[in-house]
Amino acid sequence: MKLINFDLEHPFSGIALEGLGHYWDLHNFAEFLGFNFGVPNNSLSLEWDASSKEGNPWGDTGNKAKGCKLVFRNLAFLKMSGRNDEMPLSEDLCLSEVSKVIPEMTEYRYKQKWVESEKFNLLFEFQSGRTLEIGAESVELQSLT
């Protein structure tokens, strides 16, 4: 997968993106709104909202965006796990971590260093225990005002 205009703060167990000239903390203040699968163009988008948060919702005082979206193009893989039913539904709103993972592996999927040509999926883990694993040709960060 090619990260078009951003990078992960850390290749595994991170909570933020760095792109569009800003830092985007997706854990502490931004709320996950959900995802949309675009059948006609084989795309998937994930969206976060920070419009109701005061101060410094993204961990970057220069970032005035109300929200952000990740748009995956030429979707190749999508897997969503269940959630911990003992957790309140509000925990689905909070990203716990995002990581690059080796596709089709169940153990030892994480790496500290990645070569640009290596294939990877992005794994999003939420406080509720739910996970989203996504494989695509590319993903682009979009700022929502």
N, C-alpha and C. Protein backbone atom coordinates (compact mmCIF):
# COMPACT_ATOMS: atom_id res chain seq x y z
N MET A 1 0.85 -1.17 0.00
CA MET A 1 0.00 0.00 0.00
C MET A 1 0.90 1.24 0.00
N LYS A 2 0.45 2.24 -0.70
CA LYS A 2 1.20 3.49 -0.73
C LYS A 2 0.45 4.53 0.11
N LEU A 3 1.16 5.12 1.07
CA LEU A 3 0.62 6.22 1.86
C LEU A 3 0.88 7.49 1.04
N ILE A 4 -0.16 8.08 0.49
CA ILE A 4 -0.01 9.17 -0.48
C ILE A 4 0.58 10.44 0.12
N ASN A 5 -0.03 10.97 1.16
CA ASN A 5 0.38 12.29 1.66
C ASN A 5 0.53 12.35 3.17
N PHE A 6 0.81 11.22 3.77
CA PHE A 6 1.00 11.17 5.22
C PHE A 6 1.85 9.96 5.57
N ASP A 7 2.21 9.90 6.85
CA ASP A 7 2.89 8.73 7.37
C ASP A 7 2.34 8.47 8.77
N LEU A 8 2.58 7.28 9.26
CA LEU A 8 2.20 6.96 10.63
C LEU A 8 3.25 7.53 11.57
N GLU A 9 2.81 8.01 12.71
CA GLU A 9 3.75 8.49 13.72
C GLU A 9 4.74 7.39 14.09
N HIS A 10 4.24 6.17 14.26
CA HIS A 10 5.05 4.98 14.54
C HIS A 10 4.53 3.85 13.64
N PRO A 11 5.40 2.94 13.19
CA PRO A 11 4.93 1.87 12.30
C PRO A 11 4.01 0.86 12.99
N PHE A 12 4.04 0.82 14.34
CA PHE A 12 3.08 -0.03 15.04
C PHE A 12 2.74 0.59 16.38
N SER A 13 1.53 0.33 16.82
CA SER A 13 1.02 0.82 18.10
C SER A 13 1.06 2.35 18.22
N GLY A 14 0.86 3.05 17.11
CA GLY A 14 0.81 4.50 17.14
C GLY A 14 -0.62 4.99 17.30
N ILE A 15 -0.75 6.29 17.57
CA ILE A 15 -2.08 6.89 17.69
C ILE A 15 -2.26 8.08 16.78
N ALA A 16 -1.23 8.39 15.98
CA ALA A 16 -1.29 9.62 15.20
C ALA A 16 -0.74 9.44 13.79
N LEU A 17 -1.19 10.36 12.93
CA LEU A 17 -0.69 10.48 11.57
C LEU A 17 0.07 11.78 11.46
N GLU A 18 0.99 11.85 10.51
CA GLU A 18 1.71 13.08 10.22
C GLU A 18 1.57 13.33 8.73
N GLY A 19 0.85 14.41 8.38
CA GLY A 19 0.62 14.70 6.98
C GLY A 19 -0.09 16.02 6.79
N LEU A 20 -0.08 16.48 5.55
CA LEU A 20 -0.68 17.77 5.18
C LEU A 20 -0.11 18.90 6.03
N GLY A 21 1.13 18.74 6.46
CA GLY A 21 1.79 19.75 7.26
C GLY A 21 1.37 19.78 8.71
N HIS A 22 0.67 18.74 9.17
CA HIS A 22 0.17 18.72 10.55
C HIS A 22 0.31 17.35 11.20
N TYR A 23 0.08 17.36 12.49
CA TYR A 23 0.02 16.16 13.32
C TYR A 23 -1.46 15.88 13.59
N TRP A 24 -1.87 14.62 13.52
CA TRP A 24 -3.27 14.23 13.67
C TRP A 24 -3.39 13.14 14.74
N ASP A 25 -3.62 13.52 15.98
CA ASP A 25 -3.82 12.56 17.07
C ASP A 25 -5.23 12.00 16.95
N LEU A 26 -5.34 10.74 16.57
CA LEU A 26 -6.65 10.12 16.38
C LEU A 26 -7.17 9.43 17.63
N HIS A 27 -6.41 9.49 18.71
CA HIS A 27 -6.81 8.79 19.93
C HIS A 27 -7.46 9.71 20.97
N ASN A 28 -6.80 10.77 21.31
CA ASN A 28 -7.20 11.53 22.49
C ASN A 28 -8.46 12.37 22.34
N PHE A 29 -8.68 12.96 21.18
CA PHE A 29 -9.83 13.85 21.04
C PHE A 29 -10.74 13.54 19.87
N ALA A 30 -10.19 13.08 18.78
CA ALA A 30 -11.00 12.81 17.60
C ALA A 30 -11.88 11.59 17.83
N GLU A 31 -13.10 11.66 17.34
CA GLU A 31 -14.04 10.53 17.46
C GLU A 31 -14.20 9.87 16.11
N PHE A 32 -14.09 8.56 16.09
CA PHE A 32 -14.28 7.79 14.86
C PHE A 32 -15.76 7.78 14.52
N LEU A 33 -16.10 8.20 13.31
CA LEU A 33 -17.50 8.24 12.88
C LEU A 33 -17.92 6.99 12.14
N GLY A 34 -16.96 6.27 11.56
CA GLY A 34 -17.30 5.06 10.84
C GLY A 34 -16.59 4.99 9.50
N PHE A 35 -17.05 4.04 8.69
CA PHE A 35 -16.45 3.87 7.37
C PHE A 35 -17.53 3.74 6.32
N ASN A 36 -17.13 4.04 5.08
CA ASN A 36 -18.04 3.96 3.95
C ASN A 36 -17.35 3.21 2.82
N PHE A 37 -17.99 2.14 2.35
CA PHE A 37 -17.47 1.34 1.26
C PHE A 37 -18.11 1.81 -0.04
N GLY A 38 -17.29 2.29 -0.96
CA GLY A 38 -17.79 2.75 -2.26
C GLY A 38 -17.67 1.65 -3.29
N VAL A 39 -18.77 0.97 -3.55
CA VAL A 39 -18.77 -0.16 -4.48
C VAL A 39 -18.38 0.26 -5.90
N PRO A 40 -18.97 1.34 -6.45
CA PRO A 40 -18.66 1.66 -7.86
C PRO A 40 -17.19 1.94 -8.14
N ASN A 41 -16.48 2.50 -7.18
CA ASN A 41 -15.07 2.81 -7.42
C ASN A 41 -14.12 2.00 -6.53
N ASN A 42 -14.64 0.98 -5.85
CA ASN A 42 -13.83 0.08 -5.02
C ASN A 42 -12.95 0.85 -4.04
N SER A 43 -13.60 1.75 -3.30
CA SER A 43 -12.88 2.57 -2.32
C SER A 43 -13.49 2.38 -0.94
N LEU A 44 -12.75 2.80 0.06
CA LEU A 44 -13.21 2.74 1.44
C LEU A 44 -12.71 4.01 2.12
N SER A 45 -13.56 4.64 2.90
CA SER A 45 -13.11 5.82 3.65
C SER A 45 -13.42 5.65 5.12
N LEU A 46 -12.49 6.10 5.95
CA LEU A 46 -12.66 6.14 7.40
C LEU A 46 -12.69 7.61 7.78
N GLU A 47 -13.59 7.99 8.71
CA GLU A 47 -13.72 9.41 9.05
C GLU A 47 -13.68 9.64 10.55
N TRP A 48 -12.97 10.71 10.93
CA TRP A 48 -12.89 11.14 12.33
C TRP A 48 -13.39 12.57 12.44
N ASP A 49 -13.97 12.90 13.59
CA ASP A 49 -14.51 14.23 13.85
C ASP A 49 -13.91 14.78 15.14
N ALA A 50 -13.49 16.04 15.10
CA ALA A 50 -12.98 16.71 16.30
C ALA A 50 -13.66 18.07 16.45
N SER A 51 -14.78 18.28 15.76
CA SER A 51 -15.42 19.59 15.73
C SER A 51 -15.96 20.03 17.08
N SER A 52 -16.29 19.11 17.95
CA SER A 52 -16.86 19.48 19.26
C SER A 52 -15.79 19.65 20.33
N LYS A 53 -14.55 19.46 19.97
CA LYS A 53 -13.46 19.52 20.95
C LYS A 53 -12.86 20.92 21.00
N GLU A 54 -12.57 21.38 22.19
CA GLU A 54 -11.97 22.70 22.41
C GLU A 54 -10.45 22.58 22.46
N GLY A 55 -9.79 23.67 22.17
CA GLY A 55 -8.35 23.73 22.37
C GLY A 55 -7.54 23.11 21.26
N ASN A 56 -6.92 21.99 21.55
CA ASN A 56 -5.92 21.39 20.68
C ASN A 56 -6.27 19.93 20.38
N PRO A 57 -7.35 19.68 19.64
CA PRO A 57 -7.82 18.30 19.50
C PRO A 57 -6.88 17.36 18.76
N TRP A 58 -6.03 17.88 17.91
CA TRP A 58 -5.17 17.00 17.12
C TRP A 58 -3.77 16.87 17.70
N GLY A 59 -3.49 17.55 18.81
CA GLY A 59 -2.13 17.56 19.34
C GLY A 59 -1.22 18.46 18.54
N ASP A 60 -1.81 19.40 17.79
CA ASP A 60 -1.08 20.32 16.93
C ASP A 60 -1.86 21.63 16.91
N THR A 61 -1.35 22.65 17.58
CA THR A 61 -2.09 23.92 17.70
C THR A 61 -2.35 24.57 16.34
N GLY A 62 -1.56 24.26 15.33
CA GLY A 62 -1.77 24.81 13.99
C GLY A 62 -2.82 24.07 13.18
N ASN A 63 -3.25 22.92 13.65
CA ASN A 63 -4.22 22.12 12.91
C ASN A 63 -5.63 22.53 13.31
N LYS A 64 -6.30 23.26 12.43
CA LYS A 64 -7.64 23.79 12.71
C LYS A 64 -8.75 22.96 12.06
N ALA A 65 -8.42 21.82 11.51
CA ALA A 65 -9.41 20.98 10.83
C ALA A 65 -10.47 20.49 11.80
N LYS A 66 -11.69 20.40 11.32
CA LYS A 66 -12.82 19.89 12.11
C LYS A 66 -12.86 18.37 12.09
N GLY A 67 -12.22 17.79 11.10
CA GLY A 67 -12.21 16.34 10.97
C GLY A 67 -11.20 15.91 9.93
N CYS A 68 -11.08 14.61 9.76
CA CYS A 68 -10.22 14.08 8.71
C CYS A 68 -10.79 12.78 8.19
N LYS A 69 -10.31 12.42 7.02
CA LYS A 69 -10.78 11.22 6.36
C LYS A 69 -9.59 10.51 5.74
N LEU A 70 -9.56 9.21 5.83
CA LEU A 70 -8.60 8.39 5.10
C LEU A 70 -9.35 7.70 3.97
N VAL A 71 -8.90 7.92 2.74
CA VAL A 71 -9.57 7.34 1.57
C VAL A 71 -8.65 6.29 0.97
N PHE A 72 -9.11 5.05 1.00
CA PHE A 72 -8.38 3.90 0.45
C PHE A 72 -8.90 3.65 -0.95
N ARG A 73 -7.98 3.52 -1.91
CA ARG A 73 -8.36 3.29 -3.31
C ARG A 73 -7.89 1.90 -3.75
N ASN A 74 -8.68 1.30 -4.65
CA ASN A 74 -8.42 -0.06 -5.14
C ASN A 74 -8.31 -1.02 -3.96
N LEU A 75 -9.38 -1.06 -3.21
CA LEU A 75 -9.46 -1.91 -2.02
C LEU A 75 -9.21 -3.37 -2.39
N ALA A 76 -8.34 -4.01 -1.65
CA ALA A 76 -8.00 -5.42 -1.89
C ALA A 76 -8.41 -6.31 -0.73
N PHE A 77 -8.48 -5.74 0.49
CA PHE A 77 -8.74 -6.55 1.67
C PHE A 77 -9.42 -5.69 2.73
N LEU A 78 -10.46 -6.24 3.34
CA LEU A 78 -11.13 -5.58 4.46
C LEU A 78 -11.60 -6.66 5.42
N LYS A 79 -11.19 -6.52 6.68
CA LYS A 79 -11.61 -7.47 7.70
C LYS A 79 -11.94 -6.67 8.97
N MET A 80 -13.12 -6.94 9.49
CA MET A 80 -13.53 -6.29 10.73
C MET A 80 -13.81 -7.37 11.77
N SER A 81 -13.26 -7.16 12.96
CA SER A 81 -13.50 -8.12 14.04
C SER A 81 -14.69 -7.69 14.87
N GLY A 82 -15.09 -8.56 15.76
CA GLY A 82 -16.11 -8.21 16.73
C GLY A 82 -15.53 -7.31 17.81
N ARG A 83 -16.35 -6.97 18.76
CA ARG A 83 -15.94 -6.07 19.84
C ARG A 83 -16.18 -6.76 21.17
N ASN A 84 -15.62 -6.22 22.22
CA ASN A 84 -15.86 -6.71 23.57
C ASN A 84 -17.21 -6.17 24.02
N ASP A 85 -18.19 -7.03 24.16
CA ASP A 85 -19.55 -6.61 24.50
C ASP A 85 -19.67 -6.02 25.90
N GLU A 86 -18.66 -6.21 26.73
CA GLU A 86 -18.68 -5.63 28.07
C GLU A 86 -18.28 -4.16 28.07
N MET A 87 -17.73 -3.71 26.96
CA MET A 87 -17.32 -2.31 26.83
C MET A 87 -18.51 -1.49 26.35
N PRO A 88 -18.63 -0.24 26.81
CA PRO A 88 -19.71 0.61 26.30
C PRO A 88 -19.50 0.91 24.82
N LEU A 89 -20.58 1.16 24.10
CA LEU A 89 -20.49 1.46 22.66
C LEU A 89 -19.63 2.68 22.39
N SER A 90 -19.53 3.58 23.33
CA SER A 90 -18.71 4.79 23.15
C SER A 90 -17.23 4.44 22.92
N GLU A 91 -16.81 3.26 23.34
CA GLU A 91 -15.41 2.86 23.13
C GLU A 91 -15.11 2.52 21.67
N ASP A 92 -16.16 2.37 20.85
CA ASP A 92 -15.96 2.19 19.41
C ASP A 92 -15.55 3.50 18.75
N LEU A 93 -15.77 4.63 19.43
CA LEU A 93 -15.43 5.95 18.90
C LEU A 93 -13.94 6.27 19.04
N CYS A 94 -13.25 5.53 19.91
CA CYS A 94 -11.88 5.89 20.29
C CYS A 94 -10.86 4.90 19.71
N LEU A 95 -10.00 5.42 18.84
CA LEU A 95 -8.92 4.61 18.29
C LEU A 95 -7.90 4.32 19.38
N SER A 96 -7.55 3.07 19.52
CA SER A 96 -6.53 2.68 20.49
C SER A 96 -5.14 2.73 19.86
N GLU A 97 -5.04 2.22 18.62
CA GLU A 97 -3.76 2.26 17.92
C GLU A 97 -3.95 1.92 16.45
N VAL A 98 -2.97 2.35 15.66
CA VAL A 98 -2.91 2.01 14.24
C VAL A 98 -1.51 1.49 13.94
N SER A 99 -1.45 0.43 13.11
CA SER A 99 -0.17 -0.21 12.83
C SER A 99 -0.11 -0.69 11.38
N LYS A 100 1.10 -0.72 10.85
CA LYS A 100 1.34 -1.45 9.61
C LYS A 100 1.49 -2.92 10.00
N VAL A 101 0.87 -3.81 9.22
CA VAL A 101 1.00 -5.25 9.49
C VAL A 101 1.31 -6.00 8.20
N ILE A 102 2.00 -7.11 8.35
CA ILE A 102 2.29 -7.97 7.22
C ILE A 102 1.01 -8.70 6.83
N PRO A 103 0.57 -8.57 5.59
CA PRO A 103 -0.67 -9.23 5.16
C PRO A 103 -0.59 -10.75 5.30
N GLU A 104 -1.72 -11.35 5.60
CA GLU A 104 -1.90 -12.80 5.64
C GLU A 104 -1.08 -13.50 6.72
N MET A 105 -0.54 -12.76 7.67
CA MET A 105 0.15 -13.39 8.79
C MET A 105 -0.68 -13.14 10.04
N THR A 106 -0.70 -14.10 10.94
CA THR A 106 -1.44 -13.94 12.19
C THR A 106 -0.52 -13.70 13.38
N GLU A 107 0.72 -14.12 13.26
CA GLU A 107 1.70 -13.89 14.33
C GLU A 107 2.88 -13.13 13.74
N TYR A 108 3.55 -12.38 14.60
CA TYR A 108 4.75 -11.65 14.20
C TYR A 108 4.49 -10.76 12.99
N ARG A 109 3.40 -10.01 13.03
CA ARG A 109 2.96 -9.19 11.91
C ARG A 109 3.56 -7.79 11.91
N TYR A 110 4.16 -7.39 13.02
CA TYR A 110 4.62 -6.02 13.19
C TYR A 110 6.11 -5.92 12.94
N LYS A 111 6.54 -4.76 12.41
CA LYS A 111 7.95 -4.50 12.17
C LYS A 111 8.25 -3.06 12.56
N GLN A 112 9.45 -2.84 13.02
CA GLN A 112 9.88 -1.48 13.36
C GLN A 112 10.27 -0.69 12.12
N LYS A 113 10.86 -1.37 11.14
CA LYS A 113 11.33 -0.71 9.91
C LYS A 113 10.70 -1.39 8.70
N TRP A 114 10.26 -0.57 7.76
CA TRP A 114 9.65 -1.06 6.53
C TRP A 114 10.41 -0.48 5.34
N VAL A 115 10.68 -1.33 4.35
CA VAL A 115 11.24 -0.88 3.08
C VAL A 115 10.08 -0.38 2.23
N GLU A 116 10.30 0.66 1.46
CA GLU A 116 9.21 1.29 0.70
C GLU A 116 8.44 0.32 -0.18
N SER A 117 9.11 -0.67 -0.73
CA SER A 117 8.45 -1.61 -1.66
C SER A 117 7.69 -2.74 -0.95
N GLU A 118 7.81 -2.85 0.37
CA GLU A 118 7.14 -3.94 1.09
C GLU A 118 5.63 -3.73 1.16
N LYS A 119 4.91 -4.81 1.00
CA LYS A 119 3.46 -4.76 1.10
C LYS A 119 3.05 -4.79 2.56
N PHE A 120 2.01 -4.03 2.86
CA PHE A 120 1.47 -4.02 4.22
C PHE A 120 -0.01 -3.66 4.18
N ASN A 121 -0.70 -4.03 5.23
CA ASN A 121 -2.06 -3.58 5.48
C ASN A 121 -2.00 -2.62 6.65
N LEU A 122 -3.04 -1.83 6.82
CA LEU A 122 -3.16 -1.00 8.02
C LEU A 122 -4.18 -1.64 8.94
N LEU A 123 -3.81 -1.74 10.21
CA LEU A 123 -4.67 -2.33 11.23
C LEU A 123 -5.05 -1.23 12.22
N PHE A 124 -6.34 -0.97 12.32
CA PHE A 124 -6.88 0.01 13.26
C PHE A 124 -7.53 -0.74 14.41
N GLU A 125 -7.08 -0.46 15.63
CA GLU A 125 -7.63 -1.12 16.82
C GLU A 125 -8.32 -0.06 17.67
N PHE A 126 -9.52 -0.38 18.14
CA PHE A 126 -10.31 0.55 18.91
C PHE A 126 -10.39 0.11 20.37
N GLN A 127 -10.71 1.05 21.25
CA GLN A 127 -10.78 0.80 22.69
C GLN A 127 -11.75 -0.34 23.02
N SER A 128 -12.74 -0.54 22.19
CA SER A 128 -13.74 -1.59 22.42
C SER A 128 -13.23 -2.98 22.09
N GLY A 129 -12.04 -3.05 21.49
CA GLY A 129 -11.50 -4.34 21.05
C GLY A 129 -11.78 -4.62 19.59
N ARG A 130 -12.65 -3.83 18.97
CA ARG A 130 -12.93 -4.01 17.54
C ARG A 130 -11.68 -3.63 16.73
N THR A 131 -11.46 -4.35 15.63
CA THR A 131 -10.35 -4.02 14.73
C THR A 131 -10.86 -3.92 13.30
N LEU A 132 -10.16 -3.09 12.53
CA LEU A 132 -10.38 -2.99 11.08
C LEU A 132 -9.01 -3.17 10.43
N GLU A 133 -8.89 -4.17 9.56
CA GLU A 133 -7.67 -4.35 8.80
C GLU A 133 -7.98 -4.08 7.35
N ILE A 134 -7.15 -3.23 6.73
CA ILE A 134 -7.43 -2.77 5.38
C ILE A 134 -6.19 -2.91 4.51
N GLY A 135 -6.40 -3.51 3.35
CA GLY A 135 -5.37 -3.58 2.33
C GLY A 135 -5.88 -2.89 1.08
N ALA A 136 -5.07 -2.04 0.48
CA ALA A 136 -5.47 -1.30 -0.71
C ALA A 136 -4.22 -0.89 -1.49
N GLU A 137 -4.43 -0.41 -2.69
CA GLU A 137 -3.32 0.09 -3.49
C GLU A 137 -2.73 1.34 -2.86
N SER A 138 -3.62 2.24 -2.38
CA SER A 138 -3.13 3.49 -1.80
C SER A 138 -4.14 4.02 -0.79
N VAL A 139 -3.69 4.96 0.04
CA VAL A 139 -4.55 5.64 1.00
C VAL A 139 -4.09 7.09 1.08
N GLU A 140 -5.08 7.99 1.12
CA GLU A 140 -4.81 9.42 1.15
C GLU A 140 -5.51 10.06 2.34
N LEU A 141 -4.82 10.97 3.02
CA LEU A 141 -5.38 11.73 4.13
C LEU A 141 -6.05 12.99 3.58
N GLN A 142 -7.28 13.24 4.01
CA GLN A 142 -8.00 14.45 3.62
C GLN A 142 -8.42 15.20 4.87
N SER A 143 -8.24 16.51 4.84
CA SER A 143 -8.65 17.39 5.93
C SER A 143 -10.09 17.82 5.69
N LEU A 144 -10.89 17.81 6.74
CA LEU A 144 -12.28 18.24 6.64
C LEU A 144 -12.46 19.54 7.44
N THR A 145 -12.96 20.57 6.77
CA THR A 145 -13.12 21.87 7.44
C THR A 145 -14.55 22.14 7.84
